[in-house]
C-alpha atoms as a PDB file:
ATOM      1  CA  UNK A   1      57.602 -63.003  31.966  1.00  0.00           C
ATOM      2  CA  UNK A   2      56.766 -64.561  28.523  1.00  0.00           C
ATOM      3  CA  UNK A   3      53.558 -63.475  26.669  1.00  0.00           C
ATOM      4  CA  UNK A   4      52.010 -67.115  27.151  1.00  0.00           C
ATOM      5  CA  UNK A   5      52.035 -66.330  31.162  1.00  0.00           C
ATOM      6  CA  UNK A   6      50.989 -62.817  30.821  1.00  0.00           C
ATOM      7  CA  UNK A   7      48.022 -64.497  28.720  1.00  0.00           C
ATOM      8  CA  UNK A   8      47.317 -66.951  31.295  1.00  0.00           C
ATOM      9  CA  UNK A   9      47.388 -64.344  34.132  1.00  0.00           C
ATOM     10  CA  UNK A  10      44.947 -62.069  32.127  1.00  0.00           C
ATOM     11  CA  UNK A  11      42.183 -64.659  31.864  1.00  0.00           C
ATOM     12  CA  UNK A  12      42.577 -65.355  35.760  1.00  0.00           C
ATOM     13  CA  UNK A  13      42.284 -61.796  36.411  1.00  0.00           C
ATOM     14  CA  UNK A  14      39.112 -61.682  33.951  1.00  0.00           C
ATOM     15  CA  UNK A  15      37.898 -64.729  35.944  1.00  0.00           C
ATOM     16  CA  UNK A  16      38.421 -62.941  39.301  1.00  0.00           C
ATOM     17  CA  UNK A  17      36.700 -59.871  37.618  1.00  0.00           C
ATOM     18  CA  UNK A  18      33.621 -61.859  37.195  1.00  0.00           C
ATOM     19  CA  UNK A  19      33.512 -63.483  40.400  1.00  0.00           C
ATOM     20  CA  UNK A  20      33.944 -60.324  42.410  1.00  0.00           C
ATOM     21  CA  UNK A  21      32.104 -57.382  40.820  1.00  0.00           C
ATOM     22  CA  UNK A  22      28.793 -57.300  42.192  1.00  0.00           C
ATOM     23  CA  UNK A  23      26.713 -54.818  44.085  1.00  0.00           C
ATOM     24  CA  UNK A  24      23.053 -54.951  45.194  1.00  0.00           C
ATOM     25  CA  UNK A  25      22.285 -51.799  43.697  1.00  0.00           C
ATOM     26  CA  UNK A  26      24.266 -52.090  40.686  1.00  0.00           C
ATOM     27  CA  UNK A  27      24.027 -55.308  38.402  1.00  0.00           C
ATOM     28  CA  UNK A  28      27.251 -55.649  36.567  1.00  0.00           C
ATOM     29  CA  UNK A  29      27.232 -58.131  33.541  1.00  0.00           C
ATOM     30  CA  UNK A  30      30.958 -58.512  32.541  1.00  0.00           C
ATOM     31  CA  UNK A  31      30.040 -61.294  29.785  1.00  0.00           C
ATOM     32  CA  UNK A  32      27.912 -59.058  27.989  1.00  0.00           C
ATOM     33  CA  UNK A  33      29.715 -57.768  25.075  1.00  0.00           C
ATOM     34  CA  UNK A  34      32.808 -59.227  26.916  1.00  0.00           C
ATOM     35  CA  UNK A  35      35.120 -59.172  24.190  1.00  0.00           C
ATOM     36  CA  UNK A  36      34.013 -57.571  21.088  1.00  0.00           C
ATOM     37  CA  UNK A  37      36.452 -57.482  18.026  1.00  0.00           C
ATOM     38  CA  UNK A  38      37.688 -53.938  18.874  1.00  0.00           C
ATOM     39  CA  UNK A  39      36.766 -52.903  22.432  1.00  0.00           C
ATOM     40  CA  UNK A  40      37.292 -54.174  25.578  1.00  0.00           C
ATOM     41  CA  UNK A  41      34.329 -53.410  27.918  1.00  0.00           C
ATOM     42  CA  UNK A  42      32.420 -54.281  30.951  1.00  0.00           C
ATOM     43  CA  UNK A  43      28.641 -53.135  31.558  1.00  0.00           C
ATOM     44  CA  UNK A  44      26.616 -51.969  34.405  1.00  0.00           C
ATOM     45  CA  UNK A  45      22.760 -51.110  34.600  1.00  0.00           C
ATOM     46  CA  UNK A  46      20.587 -49.401  37.080  1.00  0.00           C
ATOM     47  CA  UNK A  47      17.012 -48.915  36.138  1.00  0.00           C
ATOM     48  CA  UNK A  48      16.633 -47.499  32.662  1.00  0.00           C
ATOM     49  CA  UNK A  49      20.873 -46.241  32.568  1.00  0.00           C
ATOM     50  CA  UNK A  50      23.429 -48.466  31.213  1.00  0.00           C
ATOM     51  CA  UNK A  51      26.979 -47.440  32.146  1.00  0.00           C
ATOM     52  CA  UNK A  52      30.013 -48.567  30.204  1.00  0.00           C
ATOM     53  CA  UNK A  53      33.608 -48.354  30.559  1.00  0.00           C
ATOM     54  CA  UNK A  54      35.972 -49.555  27.355  1.00  0.00           C
ATOM     55  CA  UNK A  55      39.163 -48.961  26.077  1.00  0.00           C
ATOM     56  CA  UNK A  56      40.279 -49.021  22.397  1.00  0.00           C
ATOM     57  CA  UNK A  57      42.051 -51.916  23.085  1.00  0.00           C
ATOM     58  CA  UNK A  58      43.293 -54.719  25.525  1.00  0.00           C
ATOM     59  CA  UNK A  59      46.725 -54.404  25.368  1.00  0.00           C
ATOM     60  CA  UNK A  60      48.853 -51.217  25.528  1.00  0.00           C
ATOM     61  CA  UNK A  61      52.726 -51.115  25.156  1.00  0.00           C
ATOM     62  CA  UNK A  62      54.665 -49.203  27.869  1.00  0.00           C
ATOM     63  CA  UNK A  63      53.891 -45.665  27.518  1.00  0.00           C
ATOM     64  CA  UNK A  64      51.223 -45.810  24.853  1.00  0.00           C
ATOM     65  CA  UNK A  65      48.221 -43.713  25.981  1.00  0.00           C
ATOM     66  CA  UNK A  66      45.290 -45.354  27.093  1.00  0.00           C
ATOM     67  CA  UNK A  67      41.905 -44.107  25.338  1.00  0.00           C
ATOM     68  CA  UNK A  68      38.956 -44.600  28.080  1.00  0.00           C
ATOM     69  CA  UNK A  69      35.391 -43.714  27.300  1.00  0.00           C
ATOM     70  CA  UNK A  70      32.806 -43.635  29.913  1.00  0.00           C
ATOM     71  CA  UNK A  71      29.204 -44.144  28.278  1.00  0.00           C
ATOM     72  CA  UNK A  72      25.552 -43.417  29.865  1.00  0.00           C
ATOM     73  CA  UNK A  73      22.905 -44.527  27.830  1.00  0.00           C
ATOM     74  CA  UNK A  74      19.156 -43.989  28.623  1.00  0.00           C
ATOM     75  CA  UNK A  75      17.465 -47.283  27.619  1.00  0.00           C
ATOM     76  CA  UNK A  76      14.018 -45.963  28.752  1.00  0.00           C
ATOM     77  CA  UNK A  77      11.359 -44.047  27.166  1.00  0.00           C
ATOM     78  CA  UNK A  78      11.666 -41.072  29.901  1.00  0.00           C
ATOM     79  CA  UNK A  79      14.583 -38.633  30.246  1.00  0.00           C
ATOM     80  CA  UNK A  80      16.670 -39.314  33.595  1.00  0.00           C
ATOM     81  CA  UNK A  81      18.338 -36.745  35.576  1.00  0.00           C
ATOM     82  CA  UNK A  82      21.456 -37.710  37.447  1.00  0.00           C
ATOM     83  CA  UNK A  83      22.548 -35.568  40.435  1.00  0.00           C
ATOM     84  CA  UNK A  84      26.154 -35.305  41.838  1.00  0.00           C
ATOM     85  CA  UNK A  85      27.044 -33.976  44.712  1.00  0.00           C
ATOM     86  CA  UNK A  86      29.742 -31.615  43.325  1.00  0.00           C
ATOM     87  CA  UNK A  87      30.615 -30.525  39.678  1.00  0.00           C
ATOM     88  CA  UNK A  88      32.742 -33.949  39.348  1.00  0.00           C
ATOM     89  CA  UNK A  89      30.004 -35.817  37.221  1.00  0.00           C
ATOM     90  CA  UNK A  90      32.196 -38.836  36.548  1.00  0.00           C
ATOM     91  CA  UNK A  91      35.966 -40.000  37.748  1.00  0.00           C
ATOM     92  CA  UNK A  92      37.775 -43.171  37.156  1.00  0.00           C
ATOM     93  CA  UNK A  93      40.359 -45.119  39.200  1.00  0.00           C
ATOM     94  CA  UNK A  94      43.499 -47.057  38.028  1.00  0.00           C
ATOM     95  CA  UNK A  95      44.183 -50.177  40.212  1.00  0.00           C
ATOM     96  CA  UNK A  96      47.315 -52.437  39.405  1.00  0.00           C
ATOM     97  CA  UNK A  97      46.771 -56.213  39.928  1.00  0.00           C
ATOM     98  CA  UNK A  98      47.781 -56.108  44.002  1.00  0.00           C
ATOM     99  CA  UNK A  99      44.675 -53.777  44.048  1.00  0.00           C
ATOM    100  CA  UNK A 100      46.826 -50.578  44.811  1.00  0.00           C
ATOM    101  CA  UNK A 101      45.493 -47.455  43.396  1.00  0.00           C
ATOM    102  CA  UNK A 102      47.953 -46.105  40.693  1.00  0.00           C
ATOM    103  CA  UNK A 103      45.935 -43.151  39.331  1.00  0.00           C
ATOM    104  CA  UNK A 104      42.507 -41.388  39.841  1.00  0.00           C
ATOM    105  CA  UNK A 105      41.502 -38.682  37.383  1.00  0.00           C
ATOM    106  CA  UNK A 106      39.967 -36.509  40.442  1.00  0.00           C
ATOM    107  CA  UNK A 107      43.355 -36.514  42.515  1.00  0.00           C
ATOM    108  CA  UNK A 108      44.447 -32.867  42.849  1.00  0.00           C
ATOM    109  CA  UNK A 109      41.611 -31.431  41.237  1.00  0.00           C
ATOM    110  CA  UNK A 110      39.018 -29.319  42.929  1.00  0.00           C
ATOM    111  CA  UNK A 111      35.641 -29.165  41.968  1.00  0.00           C
ATOM    112  CA  UNK A 112      32.975 -26.498  42.509  1.00  0.00           C
ATOM    113  CA  UNK A 113      30.765 -27.538  45.602  1.00  0.00           C
ATOM    114  CA  UNK A 114      27.499 -27.228  43.806  1.00  0.00           C
ATOM    115  CA  UNK A 115      24.864 -29.983  43.238  1.00  0.00           C
ATOM    116  CA  UNK A 116      25.058 -30.634  39.415  1.00  0.00           C
ATOM    117  CA  UNK A 117      22.437 -32.209  37.256  1.00  0.00           C
ATOM    118  CA  UNK A 118      23.032 -34.287  34.175  1.00  0.00           C
ATOM    119  CA  UNK A 119      20.013 -34.726  31.843  1.00  0.00           C
ATOM    120  CA  UNK A 120      20.178 -37.995  29.662  1.00  0.00           C
ATOM    121  CA  UNK A 121      17.568 -37.823  26.871  1.00  0.00           C
ATOM    122  CA  UNK A 122      15.351 -41.254  26.474  1.00  0.00           C
ATOM    123  CA  UNK A 123      17.006 -43.341  23.968  1.00  0.00           C
ATOM    124  CA  UNK A 124      20.308 -41.188  23.879  1.00  0.00           C
ATOM    125  CA  UNK A 125      24.002 -41.630  25.341  1.00  0.00           C
ATOM    126  CA  UNK A 126      26.594 -39.249  26.771  1.00  0.00           C
ATOM    127  CA  UNK A 127      30.280 -39.717  26.499  1.00  0.00           C
ATOM    128  CA  UNK A 128      32.920 -38.845  28.717  1.00  0.00           C
ATOM    129  CA  UNK A 129      36.654 -39.692  26.900  1.00  0.00           C
ATOM    130  CA  UNK A 130      39.821 -39.541  28.601  1.00  0.00           C
ATOM    131  CA  UNK A 131      43.143 -40.554  27.927  1.00  0.00           C
ATOM    132  CA  UNK A 132      45.467 -41.969  30.507  1.00  0.00           C
ATOM    133  CA  UNK A 133      49.114 -41.540  30.057  1.00  0.00           C
ATOM    134  CA  UNK A 134      50.113 -44.570  32.149  1.00  0.00           C
ATOM    135  CA  UNK A 135      51.500 -42.393  34.892  1.00  0.00           C
ATOM    136  CA  UNK A 136      50.840 -43.427  38.406  1.00  0.00           C
ATOM    137  CA  UNK A 137      50.774 -41.356  41.843  1.00  0.00           C
ATOM    138  CA  UNK A 138      54.021 -42.091  43.571  1.00  0.00           C
ATOM    139  CA  UNK A 139      53.419 -39.388  46.327  1.00  0.00           C
ATOM    140  CA  UNK A 140      50.778 -37.039  47.246  1.00  0.00           C
ATOM    141  CA  UNK A 141      51.125 -34.066  49.308  1.00  0.00           C
ATOM    142  CA  UNK A 142      48.598 -31.684  48.566  1.00  0.00           C
ATOM    143  CA  UNK A 143      49.054 -29.789  46.263  1.00  0.00           C
ATOM    144  CA  UNK A 144      51.890 -31.620  45.188  1.00  0.00           C
ATOM    145  CA  UNK A 145      51.310 -34.974  43.165  1.00  0.00           C
ATOM    146  CA  UNK A 146      54.462 -36.777  41.840  1.00  0.00           C
ATOM    147  CA  UNK A 147      53.517 -39.133  39.014  1.00  0.00           C
ATOM    148  CA  UNK A 148      55.960 -41.955  37.647  1.00  0.00           C
ATOM    149  CA  UNK A 149      55.564 -44.436  34.656  1.00  0.00           C
ATOM    150  CA  UNK A 150      53.738 -47.471  35.765  1.00  0.00           C
ATOM    151  CA  UNK A 151      54.954 -50.950  35.126  1.00  0.00           C
ATOM    152  CA  UNK A 152      54.031 -53.611  32.899  1.00  0.00           C
ATOM    153  CA  UNK A 153      51.389 -55.571  34.198  1.00  0.00           C
ATOM    154  CA  UNK A 154      47.530 -55.746  34.604  1.00  0.00           C
ATOM    155  CA  UNK A 155      45.718 -52.667  35.630  1.00  0.00           C
ATOM    156  CA  UNK A 156      41.853 -52.686  36.406  1.00  0.00           C
ATOM    157  CA  UNK A 157      40.151 -49.091  35.208  1.00  0.00           C
ATOM    158  CA  UNK A 158      37.259 -48.197  37.529  1.00  0.00           C
ATOM    159  CA  UNK A 159      34.831 -45.708  36.015  1.00  0.00           C
ATOM    160  CA  UNK A 160      32.265 -44.158  38.295  1.00  0.00           C
ATOM    161  CA  UNK A 161      29.468 -41.516  38.421  1.00  0.00           C
ATOM    162  CA  UNK A 162      28.787 -40.279  41.745  1.00  0.00           C
ATOM    163  CA  UNK A 163      25.135 -39.983  43.001  1.00  0.00           C
ATOM    164  CA  UNK A 164      23.432 -38.241  45.473  1.00  0.00           C
ATOM    165  CA  UNK A 165      20.139 -40.409  45.493  1.00  0.00           C
ATOM    166  CA  UNK A 166      21.564 -43.908  45.163  1.00  0.00           C
ATOM    167  CA  UNK A 167      25.014 -45.428  45.280  1.00  0.00           C
ATOM    168  CA  UNK A 168      27.731 -44.730  42.853  1.00  0.00           C
ATOM    169  CA  UNK A 169      27.349 -46.152  39.356  1.00  0.00           C
ATOM    170  CA  UNK A 170      30.603 -48.537  38.763  1.00  0.00           C
ATOM    171  CA  UNK A 171      31.705 -50.706  36.017  1.00  0.00           C
ATOM    172  CA  UNK A 172      35.214 -51.955  35.492  1.00  0.00           C
ATOM    173  CA  UNK A 173      37.731 -53.051  32.865  1.00  0.00           C
ATOM    174  CA  UNK A 174      41.146 -54.663  32.687  1.00  0.00           C
ATOM    175  CA  UNK A 175      43.834 -53.899  30.578  1.00  0.00           C
ATOM    176  CA  UNK A 176      47.429 -55.210  30.085  1.00  0.00           C
ATOM    177  CA  UNK A 177      50.280 -53.586  29.719  1.00  0.00           C
ATOM    178  CA  UNK A 178      53.193 -55.099  28.063  1.00  0.00           C
ATOM    179  CA  UNK A 179      56.966 -53.894  27.446  1.00  0.00           C
END
């Protein structure tokens, strides 16, 4: 597949992303900061919380680490406390262009079964940074997880914050992996 076809496919997938990402509890606005000069990101808001998932760039070569940043910003004047049902305070999932899950950060990990509270001070941002090494899940038989190098193509990265008191906060972004 040549580069022009890849770019055309990417634009189509972005259109699909814009048309399909909505929720009654979460307003997703992918046009906000849609393609800044260095970052590729989408934005979700809930009350005074802004949730951004972004990568350090739009396009990666095979086997190149993908830097993912999950950012929660309290835009209000009062502290906000997020309560999660276990010690997993965030997660991200990688889907291929056919919507098949290729990776989930929390797969194969155990989390303490305790209610966890994270407080975000007014006007402040907390960051969760991860590196995905482009390894996808081929086979899972707990506790064994076999991983393999994903293929070139488009991938949707879904960042989420599990919640107890309302629906999970979700924001997404799309990246392209080329040969």
